[in-house]
Amino acid sequence: MVVSMLDEVAWLFNLRGSDIDYNPVFFAYALVTPDSATLYIDEKKLPKEVKDHLEDVKIAPYDDIFGHIKTLGEGIDPEVQGSKIFVSNKCSWALTLSLGENKVTEGRSPVQDAKAVKNEMEQEGMRQCHIRDGTALVEYFAWLENELQQGKKLDEVAAADKLEQIRRYPPSHV
């Protein structure tokens, strides 16, 4: 299986990065077989503790993915049942072409499905977040109604700024 979505690669190896502003991801690909996992990444970005964490994972240069999967694709007989490489339906066309179109099986990513499963702590965190946000929205709507009843003119920017301010600083009564 080729993993090409950045968030899936990060989740799969339990790593976080900073290659893209405001996103905890990094530029990488992964190739997962029944016997091994290879992370294609700029190895200079990996501190020793991360390399230790990845002790059973092969590390390869980021750009090597295309050559490696092309070689892998050359060894596949598309007529043999179960011999194709799985790629997500969100995989780049360039990766699919490197493998060979008739040598891939495309579908919904099992990594994405696994990411969707939340443990009790994560579920409780979401519940608490929704309670806090709901409280902030009630406070915002009360503020907005008061402003409008007083005849104040608001534009979208002022209203959005106020909502952000309320969401950023939880109400004192919560």
C-alpha atoms as a PDB file:
ATOM      1  CA  MET A   1       0.000   0.000   0.000  1.00  0.00           C
ATOM      2  CA  VAL A   2       1.251   3.464  -0.863  1.00  0.00           C
ATOM      3  CA  VAL A   3       0.334   6.158   1.693  1.00  0.00           C
ATOM      4  CA  SER A   4       0.537   9.611   0.152  1.00  0.00           C
ATOM      5  CA  MET A   5      -1.748  11.829   2.252  1.00  0.00           C
ATOM      6  CA  LEU A   6       0.433  13.818   4.654  1.00  0.00           C
ATOM      7  CA  ASP A   7      -1.935  13.525   7.621  1.00  0.00           C
ATOM      8  CA  GLU A   8      -2.145   9.761   7.106  1.00  0.00           C
ATOM      9  CA  VAL A   9       1.641   9.377   7.043  1.00  0.00           C
ATOM     10  CA  ALA A  10       1.914  11.415  10.259  1.00  0.00           C
ATOM     11  CA  TRP A  11      -0.826   9.381  11.964  1.00  0.00           C
ATOM     12  CA  LEU A  12       0.542   6.039  10.770  1.00  0.00           C
ATOM     13  CA  PHE A  13       3.950   6.648  12.333  1.00  0.00           C
ATOM     14  CA  ASN A  14       2.666   8.792  15.243  1.00  0.00           C
ATOM     15  CA  LEU A  15       4.813  11.735  14.172  1.00  0.00           C
ATOM     16  CA  ARG A  16       4.204  15.457  13.881  1.00  0.00           C
ATOM     17  CA  GLY A  17       5.997  18.019  11.770  1.00  0.00           C
ATOM     18  CA  SER A  18       5.988  21.656  10.731  1.00  0.00           C
ATOM     19  CA  ASP A  19       6.560  21.658   6.979  1.00  0.00           C
ATOM     20  CA  ILE A  20       3.207  23.370   6.361  1.00  0.00           C
ATOM     21  CA  ASP A  21       2.128  26.347   8.472  1.00  0.00           C
ATOM     22  CA  TYR A  22      -0.692  25.620  10.910  1.00  0.00           C
ATOM     23  CA  ASN A  23      -0.654  21.882  10.102  1.00  0.00           C
ATOM     24  CA  PRO A  24       1.225  19.260  12.129  1.00  0.00           C
ATOM     25  CA  VAL A  25       2.372  17.380   9.035  1.00  0.00           C
ATOM     26  CA  PHE A  26       5.560  16.930   7.048  1.00  0.00           C
ATOM     27  CA  PHE A  27       6.418  16.091   3.455  1.00  0.00           C
ATOM     28  CA  ALA A  28       6.628  12.317   3.240  1.00  0.00           C
ATOM     29  CA  TYR A  29       5.298   9.172   1.620  1.00  0.00           C
ATOM     30  CA  ALA A  30       5.056   5.685   3.026  1.00  0.00           C
ATOM     31  CA  LEU A  31       5.111   2.266   1.452  1.00  0.00           C
ATOM     32  CA  VAL A  32       3.633  -0.484   3.607  1.00  0.00           C
ATOM     33  CA  THR A  33       3.939  -4.154   2.667  1.00  0.00           C
ATOM     34  CA  PRO A  34       3.085  -7.266   4.667  1.00  0.00           C
ATOM     35  CA  ASP A  35       6.745  -7.463   5.714  1.00  0.00           C
ATOM     36  CA  SER A  36       7.954  -3.881   6.021  1.00  0.00           C
ATOM     37  CA  ALA A  37       7.243  -0.185   6.193  1.00  0.00           C
ATOM     38  CA  THR A  38       9.302   2.478   4.449  1.00  0.00           C
ATOM     39  CA  LEU A  39       9.077   6.185   5.229  1.00  0.00           C
ATOM     40  CA  TYR A  40      10.198   8.437   2.391  1.00  0.00           C
ATOM     41  CA  ILE A  41      11.335  11.682   4.003  1.00  0.00           C
ATOM     42  CA  ASP A  42      14.246  14.080   4.216  1.00  0.00           C
ATOM     43  CA  GLU A  43      16.211  12.200   6.885  1.00  0.00           C
ATOM     44  CA  LYS A  44      17.850  15.419   8.114  1.00  0.00           C
ATOM     45  CA  LYS A  45      14.476  16.352   9.600  1.00  0.00           C
ATOM     46  CA  LEU A  46      14.515  13.344  11.908  1.00  0.00           C
ATOM     47  CA  PRO A  47      16.162  13.824  15.311  1.00  0.00           C
ATOM     48  CA  LYS A  48      17.727  10.796  16.995  1.00  0.00           C
ATOM     49  CA  GLU A  49      14.716  10.150  19.252  1.00  0.00           C
ATOM     50  CA  VAL A  50      12.435   9.986  16.202  1.00  0.00           C
ATOM     51  CA  LYS A  51      14.813   7.586  14.462  1.00  0.00           C
ATOM     52  CA  ASP A  52      14.787   5.475  17.617  1.00  0.00           C
ATOM     53  CA  HIS A  53      10.960   5.551  17.574  1.00  0.00           C
ATOM     54  CA  LEU A  54      11.091   4.348  13.959  1.00  0.00           C
ATOM     55  CA  GLU A  55      13.572   1.543  14.652  1.00  0.00           C
ATOM     56  CA  ASP A  56      11.693  -1.038  12.540  1.00  0.00           C
ATOM     57  CA  VAL A  57      10.830   1.409   9.756  1.00  0.00           C
ATOM     58  CA  LYS A  58      13.088   1.801   6.761  1.00  0.00           C
ATOM     59  CA  ILE A  59      13.978   5.424   6.023  1.00  0.00           C
ATOM     60  CA  ALA A  60      14.519   6.436   2.398  1.00  0.00           C
ATOM     61  CA  PRO A  61      15.022   9.799   0.682  1.00  0.00           C
ATOM     62  CA  TYR A  62      11.758  11.558  -0.130  1.00  0.00           C
ATOM     63  CA  ASP A  63      12.316  11.592  -3.898  1.00  0.00           C
ATOM     64  CA  ASP A  64      13.131   7.869  -4.052  1.00  0.00           C
ATOM     65  CA  ILE A  65       9.459   6.899  -3.790  1.00  0.00           C
ATOM     66  CA  PHE A  66       8.881   7.158  -7.532  1.00  0.00           C
ATOM     67  CA  GLY A  67      11.821   4.953  -8.487  1.00  0.00           C
ATOM     68  CA  HIS A  68      11.078   2.413  -5.766  1.00  0.00           C
ATOM     69  CA  ILE A  69       7.427   2.004  -6.646  1.00  0.00           C
ATOM     70  CA  LYS A  70       8.218   1.873 -10.349  1.00  0.00           C
ATOM     71  CA  THR A  71      10.550  -1.054  -9.627  1.00  0.00           C
ATOM     72  CA  LEU A  72       7.903  -2.579  -7.375  1.00  0.00           C
ATOM     73  CA  GLY A  73       5.288  -2.145 -10.095  1.00  0.00           C
ATOM     74  CA  GLU A  74       7.522  -3.865 -12.653  1.00  0.00           C
ATOM     75  CA  GLY A  75       7.462  -7.014 -10.508  1.00  0.00           C
ATOM     76  CA  ILE A  76       3.675  -7.206 -10.455  1.00  0.00           C
ATOM     77  CA  ASP A  77       1.653  -9.371 -12.789  1.00  0.00           C
ATOM     78  CA  PRO A  78      -1.744  -7.651 -13.020  1.00  0.00           C
ATOM     79  CA  GLU A  79      -3.314 -10.970 -14.060  1.00  0.00           C
ATOM     80  CA  VAL A  80      -2.449 -12.628 -10.733  1.00  0.00           C
ATOM     81  CA  GLN A  81      -5.211 -12.225  -8.155  1.00  0.00           C
ATOM     82  CA  GLY A  82      -4.106 -10.152  -5.136  1.00  0.00           C
ATOM     83  CA  SER A  83      -0.806  -9.017  -6.638  1.00  0.00           C
ATOM     84  CA  LYS A  84      -1.716  -5.359  -7.166  1.00  0.00           C
ATOM     85  CA  ILE A  85      -0.569  -2.402  -5.052  1.00  0.00           C
ATOM     86  CA  PHE A  86      -3.277  -0.620  -3.077  1.00  0.00           C
ATOM     87  CA  VAL A  87      -3.454   3.166  -3.389  1.00  0.00           C
ATOM     88  CA  SER A  88      -5.965   5.539  -1.881  1.00  0.00           C
ATOM     89  CA  ASN A  89      -8.498   7.126  -4.183  1.00  0.00           C
ATOM     90  CA  LYS A  90      -6.810  10.383  -3.137  1.00  0.00           C
ATOM     91  CA  CYS A  91      -3.356   9.228  -4.274  1.00  0.00           C
ATOM     92  CA  SER A  92      -1.613  11.444  -6.794  1.00  0.00           C
ATOM     93  CA  TRP A  93      -1.808  10.504 -10.438  1.00  0.00           C
ATOM     94  CA  ALA A  94       1.996  10.659 -10.661  1.00  0.00           C
ATOM     95  CA  LEU A  95       2.337   7.853  -8.093  1.00  0.00           C
ATOM     96  CA  THR A  96      -0.291   5.750  -9.824  1.00  0.00           C
ATOM     97  CA  LEU A  97       1.477   6.172 -13.162  1.00  0.00           C
ATOM     98  CA  SER A  98       4.814   5.235 -11.572  1.00  0.00           C
ATOM     99  CA  LEU A  99       3.295   1.957 -10.410  1.00  0.00           C
ATOM    100  CA  GLY A 100       1.495   1.343 -13.681  1.00  0.00           C
ATOM    101  CA  GLU A 101      -2.240   1.998 -13.958  1.00  0.00           C
ATOM    102  CA  ASN A 102      -3.148  -1.648 -14.434  1.00  0.00           C
ATOM    103  CA  LYS A 103      -1.076  -2.677 -11.398  1.00  0.00           C
ATOM    104  CA  VAL A 104      -2.977  -0.764  -8.745  1.00  0.00           C
ATOM    105  CA  THR A 105      -6.149  -1.275  -6.796  1.00  0.00           C
ATOM    106  CA  GLU A 106      -7.703   2.003  -5.796  1.00  0.00           C
ATOM    107  CA  GLY A 107     -10.047   2.500  -2.883  1.00  0.00           C
ATOM    108  CA  ARG A 108     -10.850   4.198   0.385  1.00  0.00           C
ATOM    109  CA  SER A 109      -7.770   4.478   2.590  1.00  0.00           C
ATOM    110  CA  PRO A 110      -7.738   2.083   5.542  1.00  0.00           C
ATOM    111  CA  VAL A 111      -5.504   4.595   7.345  1.00  0.00           C
ATOM    112  CA  GLN A 112      -8.216   7.246   7.045  1.00  0.00           C
ATOM    113  CA  ASP A 113     -10.748   4.781   8.436  1.00  0.00           C
ATOM    114  CA  ALA A 114      -8.456   3.914  11.359  1.00  0.00           C
ATOM    115  CA  LYS A 115      -7.899   7.621  12.087  1.00  0.00           C
ATOM    116  CA  ALA A 116     -11.656   8.053  12.433  1.00  0.00           C
ATOM    117  CA  VAL A 117     -11.882   5.610  15.348  1.00  0.00           C
ATOM    118  CA  LYS A 118     -11.700   7.582  18.596  1.00  0.00           C
ATOM    119  CA  ASN A 119     -11.012   6.236  22.065  1.00  0.00           C
ATOM    120  CA  GLU A 120     -13.062   7.274  25.110  1.00  0.00           C
ATOM    121  CA  MET A 121     -10.630  10.073  26.044  1.00  0.00           C
ATOM    122  CA  GLU A 122     -10.765  11.565  22.532  1.00  0.00           C
ATOM    123  CA  GLN A 123     -14.563  11.299  22.500  1.00  0.00           C
ATOM    124  CA  GLU A 124     -14.791  13.058  25.873  1.00  0.00           C
ATOM    125  CA  GLY A 125     -12.435  15.784  24.639  1.00  0.00           C
ATOM    126  CA  MET A 126     -14.724  16.394  21.670  1.00  0.00           C
ATOM    127  CA  ARG A 127     -17.782  16.531  23.935  1.00  0.00           C
ATOM    128  CA  GLN A 128     -16.118  19.099  26.198  1.00  0.00           C
ATOM    129  CA  CYS A 129     -15.005  21.141  23.189  1.00  0.00           C
ATOM    130  CA  HIS A 130     -18.548  21.237  21.832  1.00  0.00           C
ATOM    131  CA  ILE A 131     -19.886  22.301  25.236  1.00  0.00           C
ATOM    132  CA  ARG A 132     -17.346  25.149  25.421  1.00  0.00           C
ATOM    133  CA  ASP A 133     -18.061  26.215  21.854  1.00  0.00           C
ATOM    134  CA  GLY A 134     -21.828  26.031  22.377  1.00  0.00           C
ATOM    135  CA  THR A 135     -21.468  28.231  25.455  1.00  0.00           C
ATOM    136  CA  ALA A 136     -19.381  30.702  23.456  1.00  0.00           C
ATOM    137  CA  LEU A 137     -22.021  30.785  20.704  1.00  0.00           C
ATOM    138  CA  VAL A 138     -24.796  31.488  23.219  1.00  0.00           C
ATOM    139  CA  GLU A 139     -22.736  34.339  24.657  1.00  0.00           C
ATOM    140  CA  TYR A 140     -22.050  35.636  21.128  1.00  0.00           C
ATOM    141  CA  PHE A 141     -25.717  35.512  20.106  1.00  0.00           C
ATOM    142  CA  ALA A 142     -26.698  37.347  23.312  1.00  0.00           C
ATOM    143  CA  TRP A 143     -24.077  40.021  22.570  1.00  0.00           C
ATOM    144  CA  LEU A 144     -25.216  40.273  18.937  1.00  0.00           C
ATOM    145  CA  GLU A 145     -28.884  40.616  19.889  1.00  0.00           C
ATOM    146  CA  ASN A 146     -28.023  43.319  22.424  1.00  0.00           C
ATOM    147  CA  GLU A 147     -25.928  45.232  19.876  1.00  0.00           C
ATOM    148  CA  LEU A 148     -28.687  45.106  17.273  1.00  0.00           C
ATOM    149  CA  GLN A 149     -31.402  46.118  19.763  1.00  0.00           C
ATOM    150  CA  GLN A 150     -29.310  49.162  20.610  1.00  0.00           C
ATOM    151  CA  GLY A 151     -29.330  50.049  16.923  1.00  0.00           C
ATOM    152  CA  LYS A 152     -25.606  49.546  16.422  1.00  0.00           C
ATOM    153  CA  LYS A 153     -24.400  48.896  12.919  1.00  0.00           C
ATOM    154  CA  LEU A 154     -22.094  45.888  12.587  1.00  0.00           C
ATOM    155  CA  ASP A 155     -20.218  44.665   9.598  1.00  0.00           C
ATOM    156  CA  GLU A 156     -19.185  41.041   9.051  1.00  0.00           C
ATOM    157  CA  VAL A 157     -15.612  41.668  10.157  1.00  0.00           C
ATOM    158  CA  ALA A 158     -16.599  43.205  13.496  1.00  0.00           C
ATOM    159  CA  ALA A 159     -19.074  40.397  14.157  1.00  0.00           C
ATOM    160  CA  ALA A 160     -16.543  37.695  13.240  1.00  0.00           C
ATOM    161  CA  ASP A 161     -13.843  39.356  15.376  1.00  0.00           C
ATOM    162  CA  LYS A 162     -16.184  39.379  18.379  1.00  0.00           C
ATOM    163  CA  LEU A 163     -17.035  35.701  17.903  1.00  0.00           C
ATOM    164  CA  GLU A 164     -13.338  34.840  17.698  1.00  0.00           C
ATOM    165  CA  GLN A 165     -12.654  36.869  20.842  1.00  0.00           C
ATOM    166  CA  ILE A 166     -15.372  35.037  22.763  1.00  0.00           C
ATOM    167  CA  ARG A 167     -14.229  31.622  21.516  1.00  0.00           C
ATOM    168  CA  ARG A 168     -10.598  32.422  22.351  1.00  0.00           C
ATOM    169  CA  TYR A 169     -11.301  33.515  25.926  1.00  0.00           C
ATOM    170  CA  PRO A 170     -13.808  31.169  27.566  1.00  0.00           C
ATOM    171  CA  PRO A 171     -16.675  32.842  29.394  1.00  0.00           C
ATOM    172  CA  SER A 172     -16.003  33.405  33.073  1.00  0.00           C
ATOM    173  CA  HIS A 173     -19.159  31.561  34.129  1.00  0.00           C
ATOM    174  CA  VAL A 174     -18.107  28.246  32.557  1.00  0.00           C
END
